Amino acid sequence: MSNPTLAAKANQFLKLHQGPGILVLANVWDVASARIVEHAGFPAIATSSAAVANSLGYPDGQQISRSEMLDVVGRIAAKVSVPVSADLEAGYGESAVEMAGTARALIEAGAVGLNLEDSMEERALIPIEQHVEKVKCIRDTGERMGVHVVINARTDAYLAGIGEPSSRFDHTLERLTAYRKAGADSLFVPGVYDAETIGRLAQAAPGPLNVLANPASPSIQELERLGVRRLSFGSWPARAALGFFARFTRELIEQRTFATLSDWAIPYAEINRLMS
């Protein structure tokens, strides 16, 4: 199977990780949010697994099925012209057969990249060797289908607080190095927010470093100066949108007013144009 259009998008997305500037991704959860991001001028779309799962009534943490997650990804990819990367948690499986199925389904949905995390449950990471095999299988499956899937290999050592703080940097670097050797294109370390550690990781990581935005994070300009190549926002944008809706509902029930809507709602005609 060969798909020249997807192959070109995959190469385009890969190049965005090579600088000179930082790749900023405003993570989305449905077609409307994806179209807003594309219309704003972002060069690529990335989904948030938590946000997609929440929008369909699931908690985060691989509670949603692969098919439901990729159905949303496919709807997004069909409505935007820029490359799409899907957050597929830990790949929705453990075996090589399951990983190959995930890679095939990802490409068939029209996406060209994915996040692949090494945690299956809170505060527990899978063995390095197991995640390495997952990365290799996804890489091999994509190449056989003619698409260089851009693999953003994620380790949750910092996010989950794994091990002693004094050993966390070395443990993270060990995992990043193994994942890069296995074929990962980008290396994702959520949960680290101080400039010193981020700078050390950016210098030591054997590939482009991706971090997760947080109120405690350095500015985008500072992250770029530190050498970070990719910045994600995860489910934060979706939670902010829901926070806005919660504010509206409280205003409506408590004050019997609706100024929140009149101040912030996208005009009806504008959102319809985006969906056209």
C-alpha atoms as a PDB file:
ATOM      1  CA  MET A   1       0.000   0.000   0.000  1.00  0.00           C
ATOM      2  CA  SER A   2       1.324   3.433  -0.903  1.00  0.00           C
ATOM      3  CA  ASN A   3      -0.223   6.836  -0.248  1.00  0.00           C
ATOM      4  CA  PRO A   4       1.854   9.664  -1.783  1.00  0.00           C
ATOM      5  CA  THR A   5      -0.283  12.392  -0.177  1.00  0.00           C
ATOM      6  CA  LEU A   6       0.136  10.985   3.323  1.00  0.00           C
ATOM      7  CA  ALA A   7       3.814  10.295   2.712  1.00  0.00           C
ATOM      8  CA  ALA A   8       4.315  13.949   1.748  1.00  0.00           C
ATOM      9  CA  LYS A   9       2.409  15.145   4.820  1.00  0.00           C
ATOM     10  CA  ALA A  10       4.492  12.879   7.046  1.00  0.00           C
ATOM     11  CA  ASN A  11       7.707  14.333   5.647  1.00  0.00           C
ATOM     12  CA  GLN A  12       6.299  17.839   6.040  1.00  0.00           C
ATOM     13  CA  PHE A  13       5.435  17.139   9.680  1.00  0.00           C
ATOM     14  CA  LEU A  14       8.858  15.608  10.351  1.00  0.00           C
ATOM     15  CA  LYS A  15      10.610  18.715   9.007  1.00  0.00           C
ATOM     16  CA  LEU A  16       8.668  20.889  11.445  1.00  0.00           C
ATOM     17  CA  HIS A  17      10.630  19.214  14.263  1.00  0.00           C
ATOM     18  CA  GLN A  18      13.989  20.227  12.806  1.00  0.00           C
ATOM     19  CA  GLY A  19      13.838  23.918  13.618  1.00  0.00           C
ATOM     20  CA  PRO A  20      15.005  26.539  13.560  1.00  0.00           C
ATOM     21  CA  GLY A  21      11.914  27.558  15.534  1.00  0.00           C
ATOM     22  CA  ILE A  22       9.841  25.626  18.049  1.00  0.00           C
ATOM     23  CA  LEU A  23       6.799  23.699  16.808  1.00  0.00           C
ATOM     24  CA  VAL A  24       3.813  24.797  18.912  1.00  0.00           C
ATOM     25  CA  LEU A  25       0.758  22.520  18.854  1.00  0.00           C
ATOM     26  CA  ALA A  26      -2.598  23.719  20.188  1.00  0.00           C
ATOM     27  CA  ASN A  27      -4.066  20.272  20.846  1.00  0.00           C
ATOM     28  CA  VAL A  28      -7.581  19.596  19.576  1.00  0.00           C
ATOM     29  CA  TRP A  29     -10.395  17.168  20.334  1.00  0.00           C
ATOM     30  CA  ASP A  30     -12.896  17.404  17.469  1.00  0.00           C
ATOM     31  CA  VAL A  31     -13.352  18.726  13.945  1.00  0.00           C
ATOM     32  CA  ALA A  32     -14.446  22.197  15.052  1.00  0.00           C
ATOM     33  CA  SER A  33     -11.414  22.754  17.278  1.00  0.00           C
ATOM     34  CA  ALA A  34      -9.136  21.376  14.539  1.00  0.00           C
ATOM     35  CA  ARG A  35     -10.577  23.735  11.929  1.00  0.00           C
ATOM     36  CA  ILE A  36     -10.136  26.689  14.304  1.00  0.00           C
ATOM     37  CA  VAL A  37      -6.476  25.743  14.810  1.00  0.00           C
ATOM     38  CA  GLU A  38      -5.865  25.330  11.087  1.00  0.00           C
ATOM     39  CA  HIS A  39      -7.631  28.622  10.323  1.00  0.00           C
ATOM     40  CA  ALA A  40      -5.420  30.391  12.876  1.00  0.00           C
ATOM     41  CA  GLY A  41      -2.396  29.388  10.801  1.00  0.00           C
ATOM     42  CA  PHE A  42      -0.843  26.465  12.655  1.00  0.00           C
ATOM     43  CA  PRO A  43       1.197  24.186  10.335  1.00  0.00           C
ATOM     44  CA  ALA A  44      -0.012  20.935  11.923  1.00  0.00           C
ATOM     45  CA  ILE A  45      -2.782  19.479  14.051  1.00  0.00           C
ATOM     46  CA  ALA A  46      -2.281  17.297  17.135  1.00  0.00           C
ATOM     47  CA  THR A  47      -5.042  15.656  19.145  1.00  0.00           C
ATOM     48  CA  SER A  48      -5.243  15.185  22.896  1.00  0.00           C
ATOM     49  CA  SER A  49      -6.245  11.674  23.961  1.00  0.00           C
ATOM     50  CA  ALA A  50      -7.702  12.901  27.244  1.00  0.00           C
ATOM     51  CA  ALA A  51      -9.746  15.607  25.537  1.00  0.00           C
ATOM     52  CA  VAL A  52     -11.095  13.243  22.875  1.00  0.00           C
ATOM     53  CA  ALA A  53     -11.923  10.603  25.486  1.00  0.00           C
ATOM     54  CA  ASN A  54     -13.641  13.137  27.750  1.00  0.00           C
ATOM     55  CA  SER A  55     -15.689  14.490  24.848  1.00  0.00           C
ATOM     56  CA  LEU A  56     -17.049  10.976  24.264  1.00  0.00           C
ATOM     57  CA  GLY A  57     -17.760  10.281  27.923  1.00  0.00           C
ATOM     58  CA  TYR A  58     -14.607   8.420  28.990  1.00  0.00           C
ATOM     59  CA  PRO A  59     -11.982   9.228  31.603  1.00  0.00           C
ATOM     60  CA  ASP A  60      -8.390   9.456  30.415  1.00  0.00           C
ATOM     61  CA  GLY A  61      -6.134   6.394  30.537  1.00  0.00           C
ATOM     62  CA  GLN A  62      -6.953   4.053  27.613  1.00  0.00           C
ATOM     63  CA  GLN A  63     -10.576   3.656  28.661  1.00  0.00           C
ATOM     64  CA  ILE A  64     -11.700   4.590  25.157  1.00  0.00           C
ATOM     65  CA  SER A  65     -11.297   1.982  22.422  1.00  0.00           C
ATOM     66  CA  ARG A  66      -8.798   2.351  19.599  1.00  0.00           C
ATOM     67  CA  SER A  67     -11.592   2.405  17.032  1.00  0.00           C
ATOM     68  CA  GLU A  68     -13.487   5.201  18.792  1.00  0.00           C
ATOM     69  CA  MET A  69     -10.336   7.271  19.203  1.00  0.00           C
ATOM     70  CA  LEU A  70      -9.316   6.836  15.574  1.00  0.00           C
ATOM     71  CA  ASP A  71     -12.832   7.546  14.342  1.00  0.00           C
ATOM     72  CA  VAL A  72     -12.425  11.065  15.751  1.00  0.00           C
ATOM     73  CA  VAL A  73      -8.902  11.319  14.310  1.00  0.00           C
ATOM     74  CA  GLY A  74     -10.228  10.282  10.898  1.00  0.00           C
ATOM     75  CA  ARG A  75     -12.986  12.885  11.000  1.00  0.00           C
ATOM     76  CA  ILE A  76     -10.399  15.553  11.814  1.00  0.00           C
ATOM     77  CA  ALA A  77      -7.933  14.427   9.130  1.00  0.00           C
ATOM     78  CA  ALA A  78     -10.694  14.484   6.505  1.00  0.00           C
ATOM     79  CA  LYS A  79     -11.503  18.128   7.282  1.00  0.00           C
ATOM     80  CA  VAL A  80      -8.059  19.726   7.451  1.00  0.00           C
ATOM     81  CA  SER A  81      -5.270  20.077   4.902  1.00  0.00           C
ATOM     82  CA  VAL A  82      -2.309  20.159   7.306  1.00  0.00           C
ATOM     83  CA  PRO A  83      -0.606  17.074   8.812  1.00  0.00           C
ATOM     84  CA  VAL A  84      -2.432  15.401  11.705  1.00  0.00           C
ATOM     85  CA  SER A  85      -0.763  13.667  14.648  1.00  0.00           C
ATOM     86  CA  ALA A  86      -2.860  11.522  16.985  1.00  0.00           C
ATOM     87  CA  ASP A  87      -2.330  10.991  20.692  1.00  0.00           C
ATOM     88  CA  LEU A  88      -2.840   7.223  20.950  1.00  0.00           C
ATOM     89  CA  GLU A  89      -1.838   6.818  24.597  1.00  0.00           C
ATOM     90  CA  ALA A  90       0.117   3.526  24.966  1.00  0.00           C
ATOM     91  CA  GLY A  91      -1.024   2.246  21.571  1.00  0.00           C
ATOM     92  CA  TYR A  92      -4.102   0.328  22.759  1.00  0.00           C
ATOM     93  CA  GLY A  93      -2.278  -2.972  23.007  1.00  0.00           C
ATOM     94  CA  GLU A  94       0.898  -4.712  24.034  1.00  0.00           C
ATOM     95  CA  SER A  95       1.767  -7.249  21.330  1.00  0.00           C
ATOM     96  CA  ALA A  96       3.446  -6.681  17.974  1.00  0.00           C
ATOM     97  CA  VAL A  97       0.224  -7.674  16.224  1.00  0.00           C
ATOM     98  CA  GLU A  98      -1.729  -5.060  18.185  1.00  0.00           C
ATOM     99  CA  MET A  99       0.863  -2.357  17.493  1.00  0.00           C
ATOM    100  CA  ALA A 100       0.852  -3.165  13.781  1.00  0.00           C
ATOM    101  CA  GLY A 101      -2.929  -2.864  13.832  1.00  0.00           C
ATOM    102  CA  THR A 102      -2.699   0.502  15.558  1.00  0.00           C
ATOM    103  CA  ALA A 103      -0.196   1.789  12.988  1.00  0.00           C
ATOM    104  CA  ARG A 104      -2.317   0.602  10.072  1.00  0.00           C
ATOM    105  CA  ALA A 105      -5.483   2.090  11.540  1.00  0.00           C
ATOM    106  CA  LEU A 106      -3.683   5.392  12.179  1.00  0.00           C
ATOM    107  CA  ILE A 107      -2.578   5.677   8.552  1.00  0.00           C
ATOM    108  CA  GLU A 108      -5.960   4.557   7.246  1.00  0.00           C
ATOM    109  CA  ALA A 109      -7.531   7.334   9.348  1.00  0.00           C
ATOM    110  CA  GLY A 110      -5.373   9.853   7.490  1.00  0.00           C
ATOM    111  CA  ALA A 111      -2.944  10.755  10.294  1.00  0.00           C
ATOM    112  CA  VAL A 112       0.822  10.829   9.869  1.00  0.00           C
ATOM    113  CA  GLY A 113       2.101  10.988  13.446  1.00  0.00           C
ATOM    114  CA  LEU A 114       1.345   9.689  16.902  1.00  0.00           C
ATOM    115  CA  ASN A 115       2.198  10.054  20.564  1.00  0.00           C
ATOM    116  CA  LEU A 116       3.136   6.756  22.192  1.00  0.00           C
ATOM    117  CA  GLU A 117       3.534   6.785  25.963  1.00  0.00           C
ATOM    118  CA  ASP A 118       5.312   4.274  28.174  1.00  0.00           C
ATOM    119  CA  SER A 119       2.842   4.225  31.067  1.00  0.00           C
ATOM    120  CA  MET A 120      -0.113   1.864  31.264  1.00  0.00           C
ATOM    121  CA  GLU A 121      -1.390   2.953  34.637  1.00  0.00           C
ATOM    122  CA  GLU A 122      -0.725   5.722  37.135  1.00  0.00           C
ATOM    123  CA  ARG A 123       2.811   5.796  38.563  1.00  0.00           C
ATOM    124  CA  ALA A 124       3.972   2.711  36.646  1.00  0.00           C
ATOM    125  CA  LEU A 125       6.044   2.534  33.470  1.00  0.00           C
ATOM    126  CA  ILE A 126       6.266  -0.465  31.168  1.00  0.00           C
ATOM    127  CA  PRO A 127       9.733  -2.012  30.707  1.00  0.00           C
ATOM    128  CA  ILE A 128      11.994  -0.113  28.313  1.00  0.00           C
ATOM    129  CA  GLU A 129      12.357  -3.160  26.082  1.00  0.00           C
ATOM    130  CA  GLN A 130       8.593  -3.450  25.655  1.00  0.00           C
ATOM    131  CA  HIS A 131       8.226   0.166  24.596  1.00  0.00           C
ATOM    132  CA  VAL A 132      11.181  -0.181  22.245  1.00  0.00           C
ATOM    133  CA  GLU A 133       9.419  -3.067  20.498  1.00  0.00           C
ATOM    134  CA  LYS A 134       6.260  -0.986  20.175  1.00  0.00           C
ATOM    135  CA  VAL A 135       8.198   1.843  18.539  1.00  0.00           C
ATOM    136  CA  LYS A 136       9.965  -0.568  16.161  1.00  0.00           C
ATOM    137  CA  CYS A 137       6.705  -2.235  15.150  1.00  0.00           C
ATOM    138  CA  ILE A 138       4.975   1.059  14.394  1.00  0.00           C
ATOM    139  CA  ARG A 139       7.995   2.262  12.432  1.00  0.00           C
ATOM    140  CA  ASP A 140       8.169  -0.962  10.382  1.00  0.00           C
ATOM    141  CA  THR A 141       4.422  -1.018   9.684  1.00  0.00           C
ATOM    142  CA  GLY A 142       4.421   2.588   8.515  1.00  0.00           C
ATOM    143  CA  GLU A 143       7.389   2.054   6.224  1.00  0.00           C
ATOM    144  CA  ARG A 144       5.712  -0.987   4.656  1.00  0.00           C
ATOM    145  CA  MET A 145       2.682   1.217   3.973  1.00  0.00           C
ATOM    146  CA  GLY A 146       4.851   3.930   2.430  1.00  0.00           C
ATOM    147  CA  VAL A 147       4.410   6.475   5.233  1.00  0.00           C
ATOM    148  CA  HIS A 148       7.142   7.546   7.635  1.00  0.00           C
ATOM    149  CA  VAL A 149       4.899   7.845  10.692  1.00  0.00           C
ATOM    150  CA  VAL A 150       6.309  10.587  12.927  1.00  0.00           C
ATOM    151  CA  ILE A 151       6.623   8.827  16.283  1.00  0.00           C
ATOM    152  CA  ASN A 152       6.619  11.079  19.350  1.00  0.00           C
ATOM    153  CA  ALA A 153       7.854   8.639  22.004  1.00  0.00           C
ATOM    154  CA  ARG A 154       6.776   9.741  25.453  1.00  0.00           C
ATOM    155  CA  THR A 155       8.143   8.811  28.842  1.00  0.00           C
ATOM    156  CA  ASP A 156       6.194   9.618  32.000  1.00  0.00           C
ATOM    157  CA  ALA A 157       9.064   9.361  34.481  1.00  0.00           C
ATOM    158  CA  TYR A 158       8.631  13.009  35.515  1.00  0.00           C
ATOM    159  CA  LEU A 159       4.867  13.251  35.067  1.00  0.00           C
ATOM    160  CA  ALA A 160       4.224  10.196  37.252  1.00  0.00           C
ATOM    161  CA  GLY A 161       7.063  10.933  39.659  1.00  0.00           C
ATOM    162  CA  ILE A 162       8.769   7.597  39.051  1.00  0.00           C
ATOM    163  CA  GLY A 163      11.743   6.776  41.308  1.00  0.00           C
ATOM    164  CA  GLU A 164      13.851   9.100  43.411  1.00  0.00           C
ATOM    165  CA  PRO A 165      14.084  12.697  42.139  1.00  0.00           C
ATOM    166  CA  SER A 166      17.877  12.424  42.089  1.00  0.00           C
ATOM    167  CA  SER A 167      17.754   9.542  39.582  1.00  0.00           C
ATOM    168  CA  ARG A 168      14.863  10.782  37.448  1.00  0.00           C
ATOM    169  CA  PHE A 169      16.945  12.673  34.892  1.00  0.00           C
ATOM    170  CA  ASP A 170      19.224   9.706  34.152  1.00  0.00           C
ATOM    171  CA  HIS A 171      16.263   7.315  34.012  1.00  0.00           C
ATOM    172  CA  THR A 172      14.472   9.609  31.579  1.00  0.00           C
ATOM    173  CA  LEU A 173      17.534   9.981  29.391  1.00  0.00           C
ATOM    174  CA  GLU A 174      18.018   6.196  29.318  1.00  0.00           C
ATOM    175  CA  ARG A 175      14.483   5.759  28.036  1.00  0.00           C
ATOM    176  CA  LEU A 176      14.740   8.585  25.500  1.00  0.00           C
ATOM    177  CA  THR A 177      17.959   7.147  24.103  1.00  0.00           C
ATOM    178  CA  ALA A 178      16.444   3.683  23.723  1.00  0.00           C
ATOM    179  CA  TYR A 179      13.302   5.018  22.053  1.00  0.00           C
ATOM    180  CA  ARG A 180      15.318   7.144  19.642  1.00  0.00           C
ATOM    181  CA  LYS A 181      17.474   4.166  18.647  1.00  0.00           C
ATOM    182  CA  ALA A 182      14.286   2.173  18.044  1.00  0.00           C
ATOM    183  CA  GLY A 183      13.089   4.750  15.499  1.00  0.00           C
ATOM    184  CA  ALA A 184      11.340   7.556  17.394  1.00  0.00           C
ATOM    185  CA  ASP A 185      11.483  10.947  15.675  1.00  0.00           C
ATOM    186  CA  SER A 186      10.620  13.140  18.652  1.00  0.00           C
ATOM    187  CA  LEU A 187      11.004  12.604  22.408  1.00  0.00           C
ATOM    188  CA  PHE A 188       8.231  13.737  24.743  1.00  0.00           C
ATOM    189  CA  VAL A 189       8.846  14.417  28.444  1.00  0.00           C
ATOM    190  CA  PRO A 190       5.692  15.796  30.090  1.00  0.00           C
ATOM    191  CA  GLY A 191       5.794  16.868  33.725  1.00  0.00           C
ATOM    192  CA  VAL A 192       9.033  18.884  33.681  1.00  0.00           C
ATOM    193  CA  TYR A 193       8.586  22.631  34.024  1.00  0.00           C
ATOM    194  CA  ASP A 194      11.762  24.230  35.391  1.00  0.00           C
ATOM    195  CA  ALA A 195      14.092  25.842  32.882  1.00  0.00           C
ATOM    196  CA  GLU A 196      17.257  24.218  34.212  1.00  0.00           C
ATOM    197  CA  THR A 197      15.986  20.648  33.816  1.00  0.00           C
ATOM    198  CA  ILE A 198      14.352  21.382  30.468  1.00  0.00           C
ATOM    199  CA  GLY A 199      17.608  22.875  29.178  1.00  0.00           C
ATOM    200  CA  ARG A 200      19.613  19.857  30.354  1.00  0.00           C
ATOM    201  CA  LEU A 201      17.155  17.484  28.698  1.00  0.00           C
ATOM    202  CA  ALA A 202      17.195  19.446  25.447  1.00  0.00           C
ATOM    203  CA  GLN A 203      20.996  19.289  25.370  1.00  0.00           C
ATOM    204  CA  ALA A 204      21.279  15.619  26.351  1.00  0.00           C
ATOM    205  CA  ALA A 205      18.339  14.120  24.450  1.00  0.00           C
ATOM    206  CA  PRO A 206      19.393  12.311  21.252  1.00  0.00           C
ATOM    207  CA  GLY A 207      16.532  13.835  19.281  1.00  0.00           C
ATOM    208  CA  PRO A 208      14.023  16.734  19.210  1.00  0.00           C
ATOM    209  CA  LEU A 209      12.581  17.363  22.671  1.00  0.00           C
ATOM    210  CA  ASN A 210       8.839  17.849  23.242  1.00  0.00           C
ATOM    211  CA  VAL A 211       7.547  19.263  26.537  1.00  0.00           C
ATOM    212  CA  LEU A 212       4.061  19.885  27.896  1.00  0.00           C
ATOM    213  CA  ALA A 213       2.928  23.437  28.632  1.00  0.00           C
ATOM    214  CA  ASN A 214       1.931  24.278  32.186  1.00  0.00           C
ATOM    215  CA  PRO A 215       1.325  27.524  34.112  1.00  0.00           C
ATOM    216  CA  ALA A 216       4.759  26.941  35.677  1.00  0.00           C
ATOM    217  CA  SER A 217       6.511  26.506  32.314  1.00  0.00           C
ATOM    218  CA  PRO A 218       8.978  29.033  30.887  1.00  0.00           C
ATOM    219  CA  SER A 219       7.699  31.220  28.062  1.00  0.00           C
ATOM    220  CA  ILE A 220       7.625  29.902  24.507  1.00  0.00           C
ATOM    221  CA  GLN A 221      10.552  32.168  23.650  1.00  0.00           C
ATOM    222  CA  GLU A 222      12.562  30.778  26.573  1.00  0.00           C
ATOM    223  CA  LEU A 223      11.708  27.173  25.695  1.00  0.00           C
ATOM    224  CA  GLU A 224      12.912  27.829  22.164  1.00  0.00           C
ATOM    225  CA  ARG A 225      16.137  29.336  23.510  1.00  0.00           C
ATOM    226  CA  LEU A 226      16.636  26.268  25.719  1.00  0.00           C
ATOM    227  CA  GLY A 227      16.487  24.038  22.646  1.00  0.00           C
ATOM    228  CA  VAL A 228      12.973  22.611  22.911  1.00  0.00           C
ATOM    229  CA  ARG A 229      11.686  21.674  19.457  1.00  0.00           C
ATOM    230  CA  ARG A 230       8.015  20.896  20.183  1.00  0.00           C
ATOM    231  CA  LEU A 231       5.517  22.287  22.690  1.00  0.00           C
ATOM    232  CA  SER A 232       2.198  20.555  23.418  1.00  0.00           C
ATOM    233  CA  PHE A 233      -0.790  21.708  25.423  1.00  0.00           C
ATOM    234  CA  GLY A 234      -2.503  18.355  25.976  1.00  0.00           C
ATOM    235  CA  SER A 235      -6.040  18.533  27.299  1.00  0.00           C
ATOM    236  CA  TRP A 236      -5.569  22.052  28.680  1.00  0.00           C
ATOM    237  CA  PRO A 237      -7.352  23.831  25.752  1.00  0.00           C
ATOM    238  CA  ALA A 238     -10.320  21.445  25.959  1.00  0.00           C
ATOM    239  CA  ARG A 239     -10.535  21.877  29.718  1.00  0.00           C
ATOM    240  CA  ALA A 240     -10.417  25.645  29.256  1.00  0.00           C
ATOM    241  CA  ALA A 241     -13.302  25.430  26.776  1.00  0.00           C
ATOM    242  CA  LEU A 242     -15.280  23.358  29.260  1.00  0.00           C
ATOM    243  CA  GLY A 243     -14.348  25.835  31.978  1.00  0.00           C
ATOM    244  CA  PHE A 244     -15.854  28.574  29.850  1.00  0.00           C
ATOM    245  CA  PHE A 245     -19.046  26.535  29.475  1.00  0.00           C
ATOM    246  CA  ALA A 246     -19.129  25.885  33.236  1.00  0.00           C
ATOM    247  CA  ARG A 247     -18.801  29.636  33.822  1.00  0.00           C
ATOM    248  CA  PHE A 248     -21.745  30.260  31.484  1.00  0.00           C
ATOM    249  CA  THR A 249     -23.926  27.689  33.255  1.00  0.00           C
ATOM    250  CA  ARG A 250     -23.147  29.182  36.668  1.00  0.00           C
ATOM    251  CA  GLU A 251     -23.938  32.687  35.404  1.00  0.00           C
ATOM    252  CA  LEU A 252     -27.203  31.470  33.906  1.00  0.00           C
ATOM    253  CA  ILE A 253     -28.371  29.613  37.003  1.00  0.00           C
ATOM    254  CA  GLU A 254     -27.099  32.050  39.628  1.00  0.00           C
ATOM    255  CA  GLN A 255     -27.519  35.446  37.988  1.00  0.00           C
ATOM    256  CA  ARG A 256     -30.101  34.703  35.281  1.00  0.00           C
ATOM    257  CA  THR A 257     -27.850  36.495  32.772  1.00  0.00           C
ATOM    258  CA  PHE A 258     -25.757  35.340  29.810  1.00  0.00           C
ATOM    259  CA  ALA A 259     -23.081  37.970  29.246  1.00  0.00           C
ATOM    260  CA  THR A 260     -20.430  35.229  28.998  1.00  0.00           C
ATOM    261  CA  LEU A 261     -21.952  34.069  25.717  1.00  0.00           C
ATOM    262  CA  SER A 262     -22.314  37.504  24.192  1.00  0.00           C
ATOM    263  CA  ASP A 263     -18.703  38.334  25.062  1.00  0.00           C
ATOM    264  CA  TRP A 264     -17.028  35.196  23.725  1.00  0.00           C
ATOM    265  CA  ALA A 265     -19.163  33.111  21.362  1.00  0.00           C
ATOM    266  CA  ILE A 266     -17.864  32.654  17.803  1.00  0.00           C
ATOM    267  CA  PRO A 267     -20.445  34.092  15.391  1.00  0.00           C
ATOM    268  CA  TYR A 268     -22.780  31.528  13.855  1.00  0.00           C
ATOM    269  CA  ALA A 269     -21.815  32.416  10.281  1.00  0.00           C
ATOM    270  CA  GLU A 270     -18.093  32.197  11.065  1.00  0.00           C
ATOM    271  CA  ILE A 271     -18.256  28.693  12.531  1.00  0.00           C
ATOM    272  CA  ASN A 272     -20.376  27.555   9.594  1.00  0.00           C
ATOM    273  CA  ARG A 273     -17.770  28.879   7.180  1.00  0.00           C
ATOM    274  CA  LEU A 274     -15.071  26.952   9.029  1.00  0.00           C
ATOM    275  CA  MET A 275     -17.049  23.740   8.647  1.00  0.00           C
ATOM    276  CA  SER A 276     -17.656  24.246   4.917  1.00  0.00           C
END
